[in-house]
Amino acid sequence: MAIPAYDTMFRPMLVLHADGLEHQRASVRAALAEHFQLSQEDLEEMLPSGRQRTFHNRVNWAAVYLAQAGLLDRPQRGTTRITRCGQEVLARYPDQIDNTVLAQFPEFQEFLSRAKTTALPPGERGGGLAEPQATPEEAIDAAHRKLRAALAEEVLGRVLDKPADFFEAVVLDVLLAMGYGGSREDAAQRLGRTGDQGLDGVIYQDRLGLDMIYVQAKRWTDHGAW
């Protein structure tokens, strides 16, 4: 199954702590993985940034949120223990515990207020409490992907609006920026004329001009290459 959203882990995590004992982070992760019947493939899934496993990230944030609401205590690094308030919430909400429940506690509201200008999950900025689907890291990664996609669309649109000879020059500039031609400022030269269906440029790989890469640049539109 898909890795559950971090807020979906609130109640199962409290249930794991219902014995009142201190629990190590690793044991909590293992128990939740079994509870949600996650496969090894699920457990190895990484955040888009590649910096952390998605499941680990969501478990960590679930613990952070419960602790900020005063339902879990962190007596020492890497361990958590249920509080009396956590026991009461566990008994009061037998079906589901989400951010709407946590919002009843001033400590959690204060936490949201402090974090208002940081990357909180979608639906929580400005104090709203729509049910989130992503942790802060996932929200940042998603926003970064959207910005890159928007930038790519804008750059592509601007290039397509320019004359064909501009595009041919851009292709040579990109190849030089990628390392072709080394550090020479005069390592590239445009050839031929626009629209002649021939070679559009050459990149000199060495100073004597003996090692050369010939380039033919084509712009693809909805109507084909031109």
N, C-alpha and C. Protein backbone atom coordinates (compact mmCIF):
# COMPACT_ATOMS: atom_id res chain seq x y z
N MET A 1 0.85 -1.19 0.00
CA MET A 1 0.00 0.00 0.00
C MET A 1 0.88 1.24 0.00
N ALA A 2 0.27 2.38 -0.35
CA ALA A 2 1.02 3.63 -0.35
C ALA A 2 1.35 4.05 1.07
N ILE A 3 2.46 4.76 1.23
CA ILE A 3 2.84 5.24 2.55
C ILE A 3 1.79 6.24 3.03
N PRO A 4 1.22 6.04 4.22
CA PRO A 4 0.17 6.94 4.69
C PRO A 4 0.69 8.34 4.99
N ALA A 5 -0.19 9.33 4.91
CA ALA A 5 0.17 10.69 5.26
C ALA A 5 0.56 10.74 6.74
N TYR A 6 1.38 11.69 7.11
CA TYR A 6 1.90 11.71 8.48
C TYR A 6 0.81 11.88 9.51
N ASP A 7 -0.27 12.64 9.18
CA ASP A 7 -1.33 12.83 10.17
C ASP A 7 -2.14 11.55 10.38
N THR A 8 -2.12 10.65 9.39
CA THR A 8 -2.78 9.36 9.53
C THR A 8 -2.08 8.49 10.59
N MET A 9 -0.84 8.83 10.89
CA MET A 9 -0.06 8.06 11.86
C MET A 9 -0.30 8.49 13.31
N PHE A 10 -1.03 9.60 13.53
CA PHE A 10 -1.17 10.13 14.89
C PHE A 10 -1.72 9.09 15.86
N ARG A 11 -2.92 8.56 15.54
CA ARG A 11 -3.55 7.64 16.49
C ARG A 11 -2.78 6.32 16.63
N PRO A 12 -2.36 5.68 15.52
CA PRO A 12 -1.57 4.46 15.70
C PRO A 12 -0.30 4.69 16.52
N MET A 13 0.31 5.85 16.38
CA MET A 13 1.51 6.13 17.16
C MET A 13 1.18 6.26 18.64
N LEU A 14 0.08 6.92 18.96
CA LEU A 14 -0.33 7.02 20.37
C LEU A 14 -0.68 5.65 20.95
N VAL A 15 -1.32 4.82 20.14
CA VAL A 15 -1.66 3.47 20.60
C VAL A 15 -0.39 2.70 20.96
N LEU A 16 0.65 2.86 20.16
CA LEU A 16 1.91 2.18 20.43
C LEU A 16 2.51 2.62 21.77
N HIS A 17 2.20 3.85 22.18
CA HIS A 17 2.74 4.40 23.42
C HIS A 17 1.79 4.22 24.61
N ALA A 18 0.68 3.57 24.38
CA ALA A 18 -0.35 3.49 25.43
C ALA A 18 0.14 2.78 26.68
N ASP A 19 1.23 2.02 26.58
CA ASP A 19 1.76 1.31 27.76
C ASP A 19 2.49 2.24 28.72
N GLY A 20 2.69 3.50 28.31
CA GLY A 20 3.33 4.46 29.19
C GLY A 20 4.84 4.36 29.24
N LEU A 21 5.44 3.45 28.49
CA LEU A 21 6.88 3.27 28.50
C LEU A 21 7.56 4.16 27.46
N GLU A 22 8.87 4.30 27.59
CA GLU A 22 9.64 5.02 26.59
C GLU A 22 9.87 4.10 25.38
N HIS A 23 9.73 4.68 24.20
CA HIS A 23 9.89 3.89 22.97
C HIS A 23 10.95 4.53 22.09
N GLN A 24 11.86 3.69 21.58
CA GLN A 24 12.89 4.16 20.67
C GLN A 24 12.27 4.45 19.29
N ARG A 25 12.85 5.44 18.63
CA ARG A 25 12.34 5.84 17.32
C ARG A 25 12.33 4.66 16.35
N ALA A 26 13.37 3.86 16.35
CA ALA A 26 13.45 2.74 15.42
C ALA A 26 12.34 1.72 15.67
N SER A 27 12.04 1.46 16.93
CA SER A 27 10.99 0.49 17.25
C SER A 27 9.61 1.03 16.86
N VAL A 28 9.42 2.33 17.00
CA VAL A 28 8.16 2.96 16.59
C VAL A 28 7.99 2.83 15.08
N ARG A 29 9.05 3.09 14.34
CA ARG A 29 8.97 2.96 12.88
C ARG A 29 8.64 1.52 12.49
N ALA A 30 9.28 0.58 13.12
CA ALA A 30 9.05 -0.83 12.78
C ALA A 30 7.61 -1.23 13.06
N ALA A 31 7.08 -0.79 14.20
CA ALA A 31 5.71 -1.14 14.56
C ALA A 31 4.70 -0.49 13.62
N LEU A 32 4.95 0.76 13.24
CA LEU A 32 4.04 1.44 12.32
C LEU A 32 4.11 0.81 10.92
N ALA A 33 5.29 0.42 10.50
CA ALA A 33 5.42 -0.25 9.20
C ALA A 33 4.61 -1.53 9.17
N GLU A 34 4.62 -2.27 10.27
CA GLU A 34 3.83 -3.49 10.37
C GLU A 34 2.34 -3.17 10.42
N HIS A 35 1.98 -2.12 11.18
CA HIS A 35 0.57 -1.73 11.31
C HIS A 35 -0.02 -1.38 9.94
N PHE A 36 0.72 -0.63 9.15
CA PHE A 36 0.23 -0.19 7.84
C PHE A 36 0.55 -1.19 6.73
N GLN A 37 1.18 -2.32 7.09
CA GLN A 37 1.49 -3.39 6.14
C GLN A 37 2.28 -2.86 4.93
N LEU A 38 3.34 -2.13 5.23
CA LEU A 38 4.17 -1.55 4.18
C LEU A 38 5.17 -2.58 3.67
N SER A 39 5.40 -2.56 2.38
CA SER A 39 6.36 -3.47 1.77
C SER A 39 7.77 -2.90 1.91
N GLN A 40 8.77 -3.72 1.59
CA GLN A 40 10.15 -3.24 1.63
C GLN A 40 10.34 -2.12 0.62
N GLU A 41 9.67 -2.23 -0.52
CA GLU A 41 9.74 -1.18 -1.53
C GLU A 41 9.18 0.13 -0.98
N ASP A 42 8.06 0.05 -0.23
CA ASP A 42 7.50 1.25 0.40
C ASP A 42 8.51 1.87 1.36
N LEU A 43 9.15 1.03 2.16
CA LEU A 43 10.06 1.53 3.19
C LEU A 43 11.32 2.14 2.59
N GLU A 44 11.68 1.74 1.38
CA GLU A 44 12.89 2.27 0.75
C GLU A 44 12.61 3.49 -0.13
N GLU A 45 11.35 3.85 -0.28
CA GLU A 45 11.02 5.03 -1.09
C GLU A 45 11.66 6.28 -0.49
N MET A 46 12.26 7.09 -1.37
CA MET A 46 12.94 8.30 -0.93
C MET A 46 12.13 9.55 -1.26
N LEU A 47 12.34 10.60 -0.50
CA LEU A 47 11.79 11.90 -0.85
C LEU A 47 12.36 12.32 -2.21
N PRO A 48 11.66 13.18 -2.94
CA PRO A 48 12.19 13.62 -4.24
C PRO A 48 13.60 14.21 -4.14
N SER A 49 13.92 14.81 -2.99
CA SER A 49 15.25 15.38 -2.81
C SER A 49 16.32 14.31 -2.68
N GLY A 50 15.90 13.07 -2.34
CA GLY A 50 16.85 11.98 -2.15
C GLY A 50 17.61 12.02 -0.85
N ARG A 51 17.21 12.91 0.06
CA ARG A 51 17.96 13.08 1.31
C ARG A 51 17.47 12.18 2.44
N GLN A 52 16.25 11.68 2.35
CA GLN A 52 15.70 10.89 3.45
C GLN A 52 14.60 9.98 2.92
N ARG A 53 14.39 8.85 3.62
CA ARG A 53 13.29 7.97 3.25
C ARG A 53 11.97 8.64 3.60
N THR A 54 10.99 8.49 2.71
CA THR A 54 9.69 9.13 2.89
C THR A 54 9.02 8.66 4.17
N PHE A 55 9.05 7.36 4.43
CA PHE A 55 8.40 6.81 5.62
C PHE A 55 9.04 7.36 6.89
N HIS A 56 10.36 7.37 6.96
CA HIS A 56 11.06 7.91 8.12
C HIS A 56 10.67 9.38 8.34
N ASN A 57 10.62 10.13 7.26
CA ASN A 57 10.29 11.55 7.36
C ASN A 57 8.90 11.76 7.94
N ARG A 58 7.94 10.97 7.49
CA ARG A 58 6.56 11.14 7.96
C ARG A 58 6.40 10.68 9.40
N VAL A 59 7.09 9.60 9.78
CA VAL A 59 7.04 9.17 11.17
C VAL A 59 7.63 10.24 12.08
N ASN A 60 8.76 10.80 11.67
CA ASN A 60 9.40 11.84 12.48
C ASN A 60 8.50 13.04 12.68
N TRP A 61 7.82 13.47 11.62
CA TRP A 61 6.96 14.64 11.74
C TRP A 61 5.69 14.35 12.53
N ALA A 62 5.20 13.13 12.44
CA ALA A 62 4.05 12.75 13.27
C ALA A 62 4.42 12.86 14.74
N ALA A 63 5.62 12.40 15.10
CA ALA A 63 6.08 12.50 16.49
C ALA A 63 6.27 13.95 16.91
N VAL A 64 6.80 14.77 16.01
CA VAL A 64 6.99 16.19 16.31
C VAL A 64 5.65 16.87 16.61
N TYR A 65 4.66 16.61 15.77
CA TYR A 65 3.36 17.25 15.94
C TYR A 65 2.69 16.81 17.23
N LEU A 66 2.76 15.52 17.52
CA LEU A 66 2.15 15.03 18.77
C LEU A 66 2.86 15.61 19.98
N ALA A 67 4.17 15.76 19.89
CA ALA A 67 4.92 16.35 21.00
C ALA A 67 4.59 17.83 21.15
N GLN A 68 4.43 18.55 20.04
CA GLN A 68 4.10 19.97 20.11
C GLN A 68 2.72 20.21 20.70
N ALA A 69 1.82 19.24 20.53
CA ALA A 69 0.48 19.35 21.11
C ALA A 69 0.45 18.88 22.57
N GLY A 70 1.58 18.35 23.04
CA GLY A 70 1.64 17.89 24.42
C GLY A 70 1.12 16.48 24.63
N LEU A 71 0.95 15.71 23.56
CA LEU A 71 0.43 14.34 23.68
C LEU A 71 1.55 13.32 23.83
N LEU A 72 2.73 13.68 23.36
CA LEU A 72 3.92 12.85 23.55
C LEU A 72 4.99 13.68 24.24
N ASP A 73 5.78 13.01 25.04
CA ASP A 73 6.93 13.62 25.69
C ASP A 73 8.18 13.01 25.09
N ARG A 74 9.26 13.79 25.02
CA ARG A 74 10.53 13.27 24.52
C ARG A 74 11.56 13.36 25.65
N PRO A 75 11.60 12.34 26.50
CA PRO A 75 12.48 12.39 27.67
C PRO A 75 13.96 12.43 27.32
N GLN A 76 14.34 11.86 26.20
CA GLN A 76 15.72 11.92 25.75
C GLN A 76 15.74 11.77 24.23
N ARG A 77 16.89 12.06 23.66
CA ARG A 77 17.01 12.04 22.20
C ARG A 77 16.64 10.68 21.63
N GLY A 78 15.75 10.68 20.64
CA GLY A 78 15.39 9.45 19.94
C GLY A 78 14.36 8.60 20.66
N THR A 79 13.79 9.09 21.77
CA THR A 79 12.77 8.32 22.49
C THR A 79 11.54 9.18 22.73
N THR A 80 10.38 8.54 22.81
CA THR A 80 9.12 9.22 23.08
C THR A 80 8.31 8.43 24.09
N ARG A 81 7.44 9.16 24.81
CA ARG A 81 6.58 8.54 25.83
C ARG A 81 5.27 9.31 25.87
N ILE A 82 4.17 8.62 26.03
CA ILE A 82 2.87 9.26 26.04
C ILE A 82 2.69 10.06 27.33
N THR A 83 1.98 11.17 27.23
CA THR A 83 1.67 11.99 28.40
C THR A 83 0.26 11.66 28.90
N ARG A 84 -0.09 12.21 30.04
CA ARG A 84 -1.44 12.00 30.55
C ARG A 84 -2.46 12.58 29.57
N CYS A 85 -2.14 13.74 28.99
CA CYS A 85 -3.03 14.34 28.00
C CYS A 85 -3.16 13.43 26.79
N GLY A 86 -2.06 12.79 26.40
CA GLY A 86 -2.11 11.87 25.27
C GLY A 86 -3.00 10.68 25.56
N GLN A 87 -2.96 10.17 26.78
CA GLN A 87 -3.84 9.06 27.16
C GLN A 87 -5.30 9.47 27.09
N GLU A 88 -5.58 10.69 27.53
CA GLU A 88 -6.96 11.18 27.52
C GLU A 88 -7.47 11.35 26.09
N VAL A 89 -6.62 11.88 25.20
CA VAL A 89 -7.02 12.05 23.80
C VAL A 89 -7.23 10.69 23.15
N LEU A 90 -6.39 9.74 23.48
CA LEU A 90 -6.52 8.39 22.92
C LEU A 90 -7.86 7.77 23.30
N ALA A 91 -8.31 8.00 24.54
CA ALA A 91 -9.59 7.46 25.00
C ALA A 91 -10.77 8.23 24.41
N ARG A 92 -10.57 9.53 24.18
CA ARG A 92 -11.66 10.39 23.72
C ARG A 92 -11.92 10.24 22.23
N TYR A 93 -10.89 9.88 21.47
CA TYR A 93 -11.04 9.78 20.02
C TYR A 93 -10.65 8.36 19.58
N PRO A 94 -11.60 7.43 19.62
CA PRO A 94 -11.29 6.03 19.30
C PRO A 94 -11.11 5.76 17.82
N ASP A 95 -11.53 6.67 16.96
CA ASP A 95 -11.48 6.40 15.52
C ASP A 95 -10.34 7.12 14.81
N GLN A 96 -10.22 8.42 15.03
CA GLN A 96 -9.25 9.19 14.28
C GLN A 96 -8.76 10.38 15.10
N ILE A 97 -7.47 10.66 14.97
CA ILE A 97 -6.86 11.84 15.57
C ILE A 97 -6.11 12.56 14.46
N ASP A 98 -6.47 13.81 14.21
CA ASP A 98 -5.82 14.57 13.15
C ASP A 98 -5.45 15.95 13.67
N ASN A 99 -5.07 16.84 12.78
CA ASN A 99 -4.65 18.19 13.20
C ASN A 99 -5.79 19.00 13.78
N THR A 100 -7.01 18.67 13.41
CA THR A 100 -8.16 19.35 14.01
C THR A 100 -8.23 19.06 15.50
N VAL A 101 -7.92 17.84 15.88
CA VAL A 101 -7.87 17.48 17.30
C VAL A 101 -6.71 18.19 17.99
N LEU A 102 -5.54 18.18 17.35
CA LEU A 102 -4.37 18.82 17.95
C LEU A 102 -4.58 20.33 18.12
N ALA A 103 -5.38 20.92 17.24
CA ALA A 103 -5.60 22.37 17.29
C ALA A 103 -6.34 22.81 18.55
N GLN A 104 -6.92 21.89 19.29
CA GLN A 104 -7.61 22.23 20.52
C GLN A 104 -6.64 22.67 21.62
N PHE A 105 -5.35 22.34 21.43
CA PHE A 105 -4.39 22.59 22.48
C PHE A 105 -3.58 23.86 22.20
N PRO A 106 -3.52 24.77 23.19
CA PRO A 106 -2.79 26.03 22.99
C PRO A 106 -1.34 25.83 22.58
N GLU A 107 -0.71 24.77 23.08
CA GLU A 107 0.69 24.52 22.73
C GLU A 107 0.85 24.29 21.23
N PHE A 108 -0.12 23.59 20.64
CA PHE A 108 -0.04 23.33 19.21
C PHE A 108 -0.32 24.60 18.41
N GLN A 109 -1.28 25.40 18.87
CA GLN A 109 -1.56 26.67 18.20
C GLN A 109 -0.35 27.58 18.25
N GLU A 110 0.34 27.58 19.39
CA GLU A 110 1.55 28.39 19.52
C GLU A 110 2.63 27.90 18.56
N PHE A 111 2.74 26.58 18.43
CA PHE A 111 3.69 26.00 17.49
C PHE A 111 3.39 26.44 16.06
N LEU A 112 2.12 26.39 15.65
CA LEU A 112 1.75 26.83 14.30
C LEU A 112 2.04 28.30 14.11
N SER A 113 1.83 29.09 15.15
CA SER A 113 2.09 30.51 15.06
C SER A 113 3.58 30.78 14.87
N ARG A 114 4.42 30.04 15.60
CA ARG A 114 5.86 30.22 15.47
C ARG A 114 6.34 29.80 14.09
N ALA A 115 5.70 28.78 13.55
CA ALA A 115 6.15 28.20 12.28
C ALA A 115 5.42 28.79 11.07
N LYS A 116 4.64 29.84 11.29
CA LYS A 116 3.78 30.36 10.22
C LYS A 116 4.56 30.74 8.98
N THR A 117 5.77 31.26 9.14
CA THR A 117 6.55 31.70 7.99
C THR A 117 7.48 30.64 7.46
N THR A 118 7.43 29.41 8.02
CA THR A 118 8.28 28.33 7.54
C THR A 118 7.46 27.39 6.68
N ALA A 119 8.10 26.33 6.21
CA ALA A 119 7.44 25.43 5.25
C ALA A 119 6.57 24.42 5.97
N LEU A 120 5.39 24.84 6.38
CA LEU A 120 4.43 23.89 6.95
C LEU A 120 3.71 23.17 5.82
N PRO A 121 3.11 22.01 6.13
CA PRO A 121 2.41 21.27 5.08
C PRO A 121 1.25 22.07 4.49
N PRO A 122 0.83 21.74 3.27
CA PRO A 122 -0.27 22.44 2.62
C PRO A 122 -1.51 22.48 3.51
N GLY A 123 -2.19 23.62 3.54
CA GLY A 123 -3.42 23.74 4.31
C GLY A 123 -3.21 24.24 5.71
N GLU A 124 -1.93 24.40 6.16
CA GLU A 124 -1.70 24.83 7.52
C GLU A 124 -1.13 26.24 7.59
N ARG A 125 -0.69 26.81 6.48
CA ARG A 125 -0.16 28.16 6.53
C ARG A 125 -1.27 29.13 6.91
N GLY A 126 -0.92 30.08 7.73
CA GLY A 126 -1.89 31.09 8.13
C GLY A 126 -2.89 30.58 9.13
N GLY A 127 -2.66 29.39 9.69
CA GLY A 127 -3.55 28.90 10.74
C GLY A 127 -4.65 28.01 10.27
N GLY A 128 -4.84 27.87 8.93
CA GLY A 128 -5.86 26.96 8.45
C GLY A 128 -5.49 25.54 8.78
N LEU A 129 -6.49 24.67 8.89
CA LEU A 129 -6.19 23.31 9.31
C LEU A 129 -6.85 22.27 8.41
N ALA A 130 -6.75 22.52 7.10
CA ALA A 130 -7.20 21.49 6.17
C ALA A 130 -6.30 20.28 6.33
N GLU A 131 -6.83 19.12 6.03
CA GLU A 131 -6.05 17.90 6.26
C GLU A 131 -4.86 17.86 5.32
N PRO A 132 -3.63 17.81 5.86
CA PRO A 132 -2.43 17.84 5.03
C PRO A 132 -2.13 16.47 4.43
N GLN A 133 -1.35 16.48 3.37
CA GLN A 133 -0.91 15.24 2.76
C GLN A 133 0.60 15.13 2.72
N ALA A 134 1.32 16.18 3.06
CA ALA A 134 2.76 16.17 2.92
C ALA A 134 3.43 16.76 4.15
N THR A 135 4.65 16.30 4.40
CA THR A 135 5.45 16.89 5.46
C THR A 135 6.10 18.16 4.93
N PRO A 136 6.70 18.98 5.79
CA PRO A 136 7.35 20.21 5.30
C PRO A 136 8.38 19.94 4.20
N GLU A 137 9.22 18.91 4.35
CA GLU A 137 10.21 18.62 3.32
C GLU A 137 9.54 18.28 1.99
N GLU A 138 8.46 17.51 2.04
CA GLU A 138 7.76 17.14 0.81
C GLU A 138 7.12 18.37 0.16
N ALA A 139 6.59 19.28 0.99
CA ALA A 139 5.99 20.50 0.46
C ALA A 139 7.04 21.37 -0.24
N ILE A 140 8.24 21.45 0.38
CA ILE A 140 9.32 22.23 -0.23
C ILE A 140 9.76 21.61 -1.54
N ASP A 141 9.92 20.27 -1.56
CA ASP A 141 10.32 19.59 -2.79
C ASP A 141 9.28 19.79 -3.89
N ALA A 142 8.00 19.70 -3.53
CA ALA A 142 6.95 19.88 -4.53
C ALA A 142 6.95 21.29 -5.08
N ALA A 143 7.13 22.28 -4.18
CA ALA A 143 7.18 23.67 -4.63
C ALA A 143 8.38 23.90 -5.54
N HIS A 144 9.52 23.28 -5.21
CA HIS A 144 10.71 23.42 -6.03
C HIS A 144 10.49 22.83 -7.42
N ARG A 145 9.84 21.67 -7.49
CA ARG A 145 9.57 21.06 -8.79
C ARG A 145 8.64 21.94 -9.62
N LYS A 146 7.63 22.53 -8.97
CA LYS A 146 6.71 23.40 -9.70
C LYS A 146 7.43 24.64 -10.24
N LEU A 147 8.32 25.22 -9.41
CA LEU A 147 9.07 26.39 -9.86
C LEU A 147 9.98 26.06 -11.03
N ARG A 148 10.64 24.89 -10.96
CA ARG A 148 11.51 24.49 -12.06
C ARG A 148 10.70 24.26 -13.34
N ALA A 149 9.53 23.63 -13.20
CA ALA A 149 8.69 23.38 -14.38
C ALA A 149 8.20 24.69 -14.98
N ALA A 150 7.79 25.63 -14.11
CA ALA A 150 7.32 26.93 -14.59
C ALA A 150 8.44 27.69 -15.27
N LEU A 151 9.65 27.63 -14.69
CA LEU A 151 10.80 28.31 -15.29
C LEU A 151 11.13 27.71 -16.64
N ALA A 152 11.09 26.36 -16.73
CA ALA A 152 11.38 25.70 -18.00
C ALA A 152 10.38 26.11 -19.07
N GLU A 153 9.10 26.20 -18.71
CA GLU A 153 8.08 26.62 -19.67
C GLU A 153 8.31 28.05 -20.13
N GLU A 154 8.70 28.91 -19.20
CA GLU A 154 8.93 30.32 -19.55
C GLU A 154 10.13 30.46 -20.48
N VAL A 155 11.22 29.74 -20.15
CA VAL A 155 12.42 29.80 -21.00
C VAL A 155 12.11 29.26 -22.38
N LEU A 156 11.39 28.13 -22.45
CA LEU A 156 11.06 27.53 -23.73
C LEU A 156 10.21 28.49 -24.56
N GLY A 157 9.22 29.13 -23.91
CA GLY A 157 8.38 30.08 -24.63
C GLY A 157 9.16 31.24 -25.20
N ARG A 158 10.11 31.76 -24.41
CA ARG A 158 10.92 32.89 -24.88
C ARG A 158 11.81 32.48 -26.05
N VAL A 159 12.39 31.27 -25.97
CA VAL A 159 13.26 30.81 -27.05
C VAL A 159 12.46 30.64 -28.33
N LEU A 160 11.25 30.07 -28.23
CA LEU A 160 10.43 29.85 -29.43
C LEU A 160 9.97 31.17 -30.05
N ASP A 161 9.92 32.23 -29.24
CA ASP A 161 9.51 33.53 -29.77
C ASP A 161 10.64 34.25 -30.51
N LYS A 162 11.86 33.76 -30.33
CA LYS A 162 13.01 34.41 -30.95
C LYS A 162 13.25 33.85 -32.36
N PRO A 163 14.01 34.57 -33.19
CA PRO A 163 14.35 34.06 -34.53
C PRO A 163 15.17 32.78 -34.44
N ALA A 164 15.21 32.03 -35.52
CA ALA A 164 15.90 30.74 -35.53
C ALA A 164 17.39 30.88 -35.27
N ASP A 165 18.01 31.98 -35.74
CA ASP A 165 19.45 32.12 -35.51
C ASP A 165 19.77 32.32 -34.03
N PHE A 166 18.84 32.92 -33.30
CA PHE A 166 19.01 33.05 -31.85
C PHE A 166 19.04 31.67 -31.20
N PHE A 167 18.12 30.79 -31.63
CA PHE A 167 18.06 29.44 -31.08
C PHE A 167 19.36 28.68 -31.36
N GLU A 168 19.89 28.83 -32.57
CA GLU A 168 21.13 28.13 -32.92
C GLU A 168 22.28 28.60 -32.04
N ALA A 169 22.33 29.90 -31.75
CA ALA A 169 23.38 30.43 -30.88
C ALA A 169 23.21 29.92 -29.45
N VAL A 170 21.94 29.81 -29.00
CA VAL A 170 21.68 29.30 -27.64
C VAL A 170 22.15 27.86 -27.51
N VAL A 171 21.90 27.04 -28.54
CA VAL A 171 22.32 25.64 -28.49
C VAL A 171 23.83 25.55 -28.32
N LEU A 172 24.59 26.36 -29.03
CA LEU A 172 26.04 26.36 -28.90
C LEU A 172 26.46 26.84 -27.51
N ASP A 173 25.78 27.87 -27.00
CA ASP A 173 26.11 28.37 -25.65
C ASP A 173 25.87 27.30 -24.59
N VAL A 174 24.78 26.56 -24.74
CA VAL A 174 24.47 25.50 -23.76
C VAL A 174 25.52 24.41 -23.81
N LEU A 175 25.92 24.01 -25.01
CA LEU A 175 26.94 22.97 -25.14
C LEU A 175 28.27 23.41 -24.53
N LEU A 176 28.62 24.68 -24.72
CA LEU A 176 29.85 25.20 -24.10
C LEU A 176 29.73 25.19 -22.58
N ALA A 177 28.54 25.58 -22.08
CA ALA A 177 28.33 25.59 -20.64
C ALA A 177 28.40 24.18 -20.05
N MET A 178 28.10 23.17 -20.85
CA MET A 178 28.16 21.78 -20.40
C MET A 178 29.58 21.22 -20.42
N GLY A 179 30.54 22.02 -20.92
CA GLY A 179 31.93 21.59 -20.89
C GLY A 179 32.52 21.26 -22.23
N TYR A 180 31.72 21.24 -23.28
CA TYR A 180 32.26 20.98 -24.61
C TYR A 180 33.05 22.22 -25.05
N GLY A 181 34.27 21.99 -25.55
CA GLY A 181 35.10 23.11 -25.96
C GLY A 181 35.98 23.63 -24.85
N GLY A 182 35.90 23.03 -23.66
CA GLY A 182 36.76 23.44 -22.56
C GLY A 182 36.45 24.85 -22.09
N SER A 183 37.50 25.62 -21.79
CA SER A 183 37.33 26.97 -21.26
C SER A 183 37.55 28.06 -22.30
N ARG A 184 37.73 27.68 -23.53
CA ARG A 184 37.99 28.67 -24.59
C ARG A 184 36.76 29.53 -24.85
N GLU A 185 36.96 30.82 -24.92
CA GLU A 185 35.85 31.73 -25.21
C GLU A 185 35.44 31.64 -26.68
N ASP A 186 36.39 31.30 -27.56
CA ASP A 186 36.12 31.23 -29.00
C ASP A 186 36.00 29.79 -29.48
N ALA A 187 35.51 28.91 -28.59
CA ALA A 187 35.47 27.48 -28.92
C ALA A 187 34.30 27.10 -29.82
N ALA A 188 33.38 28.02 -30.08
CA ALA A 188 32.21 27.69 -30.91
C ALA A 188 32.07 28.69 -32.04
N GLN A 189 31.52 28.21 -33.15
CA GLN A 189 31.30 29.07 -34.31
C GLN A 189 30.05 28.63 -35.03
N ARG A 190 29.19 29.59 -35.37
CA ARG A 190 28.00 29.26 -36.15
C ARG A 190 28.39 29.05 -37.60
N LEU A 191 27.68 28.12 -38.27
CA LEU A 191 27.92 27.81 -39.66
C LEU A 191 26.64 27.98 -40.47
N GLY A 192 26.79 28.17 -41.76
CA GLY A 192 25.63 28.16 -42.66
C GLY A 192 24.66 29.30 -42.40
N ARG A 193 23.47 29.14 -42.96
CA ARG A 193 22.41 30.14 -42.81
C ARG A 193 21.19 29.51 -42.20
N THR A 194 20.37 30.33 -41.58
CA THR A 194 19.15 29.85 -40.95
C THR A 194 18.22 29.24 -42.00
N GLY A 195 17.72 28.05 -41.70
CA GLY A 195 16.76 27.40 -42.59
C GLY A 195 17.36 26.68 -43.76
N ASP A 196 18.72 26.56 -43.80
CA ASP A 196 19.33 25.89 -44.95
C ASP A 196 19.40 24.37 -44.79
N GLN A 197 18.86 23.84 -43.68
CA GLN A 197 18.82 22.40 -43.41
C GLN A 197 20.21 21.78 -43.26
N GLY A 198 21.25 22.61 -43.14
CA GLY A 198 22.60 22.09 -43.00
C GLY A 198 23.10 22.21 -41.58
N LEU A 199 24.42 22.11 -41.42
CA LEU A 199 25.03 22.23 -40.11
C LEU A 199 24.90 23.67 -39.60
N ASP A 200 24.66 23.80 -38.31
CA ASP A 200 24.43 25.12 -37.73
C ASP A 200 25.61 25.64 -36.93
N GLY A 201 26.54 24.77 -36.54
CA GLY A 201 27.67 25.24 -35.76
C GLY A 201 28.71 24.17 -35.58
N VAL A 202 29.86 24.60 -35.06
CA VAL A 202 30.95 23.69 -34.78
C VAL A 202 31.58 24.11 -33.46
N ILE A 203 31.97 23.11 -32.66
CA ILE A 203 32.65 23.35 -31.40
C ILE A 203 34.04 22.76 -31.50
N TYR A 204 35.05 23.58 -31.19
CA TYR A 204 36.43 23.14 -31.24
C TYR A 204 36.85 22.59 -29.88
N GLN A 205 37.17 21.31 -29.83
CA GLN A 205 37.52 20.65 -28.59
C GLN A 205 38.97 20.89 -28.17
N ASP A 206 39.83 21.30 -29.09
CA ASP A 206 41.21 21.61 -28.71
C ASP A 206 41.64 22.91 -29.38
N ARG A 207 42.75 23.47 -28.93
CA ARG A 207 43.18 24.79 -29.39
C ARG A 207 43.61 24.80 -30.86
N LEU A 208 44.01 23.66 -31.39
CA LEU A 208 44.42 23.60 -32.79
C LEU A 208 43.24 23.40 -33.73
N GLY A 209 42.05 23.13 -33.16
CA GLY A 209 40.89 22.94 -34.01
C GLY A 209 40.86 21.61 -34.71
N LEU A 210 41.61 20.63 -34.18
CA LEU A 210 41.67 19.32 -34.83
C LEU A 210 40.54 18.40 -34.38
N ASP A 211 40.05 18.63 -33.18
CA ASP A 211 38.97 17.80 -32.63
C ASP A 211 37.71 18.64 -32.61
N MET A 212 36.75 18.32 -33.50
CA MET A 212 35.60 19.20 -33.67
C MET A 212 34.29 18.43 -33.52
N ILE A 213 33.28 19.11 -33.02
CA ILE A 213 31.92 18.57 -32.93
C ILE A 213 31.02 19.45 -33.79
N TYR A 214 30.37 18.84 -34.77
CA TYR A 214 29.46 19.58 -35.63
C TYR A 214 28.03 19.49 -35.06
N VAL A 215 27.34 20.60 -35.08
CA VAL A 215 26.03 20.70 -34.43
C VAL A 215 24.97 21.09 -35.44
N GLN A 216 23.83 20.41 -35.37
CA GLN A 216 22.66 20.80 -36.15
C GLN A 216 21.51 20.99 -35.18
N ALA A 217 21.02 22.22 -35.06
CA ALA A 217 19.98 22.56 -34.07
C ALA A 217 18.62 22.56 -34.73
N LYS A 218 17.66 21.88 -34.09
CA LYS A 218 16.29 21.84 -34.61
C LYS A 218 15.32 22.24 -33.50
N ARG A 219 14.39 23.09 -33.82
CA ARG A 219 13.35 23.45 -32.87
C ARG A 219 12.08 22.66 -33.19
N TRP A 220 11.55 21.99 -32.14
CA TRP A 220 10.34 21.19 -32.34
C TRP A 220 9.15 21.99 -31.86
N THR A 221 8.13 22.08 -32.67
CA THR A 221 6.87 22.70 -32.29
C THR A 221 5.75 21.70 -32.54
N ASP A 222 4.52 22.13 -32.35
CA ASP A 222 3.38 21.26 -32.63
C ASP A 222 3.30 20.89 -34.12
N HIS A 223 4.02 21.64 -34.94
CA HIS A 223 3.96 21.40 -36.39
C HIS A 223 5.22 20.70 -36.89
N GLY A 224 6.08 20.24 -35.98
CA GLY A 224 7.29 19.54 -36.39
C GLY A 224 8.53 20.38 -36.17
N ALA A 225 9.65 19.94 -36.74
CA ALA A 225 10.92 20.63 -36.57
C ALA A 225 11.06 21.74 -37.59
N TRP A 226 11.77 22.81 -37.13
CA TRP A 226 12.07 23.88 -38.10
C TRP A 226 13.29 24.65 -37.62
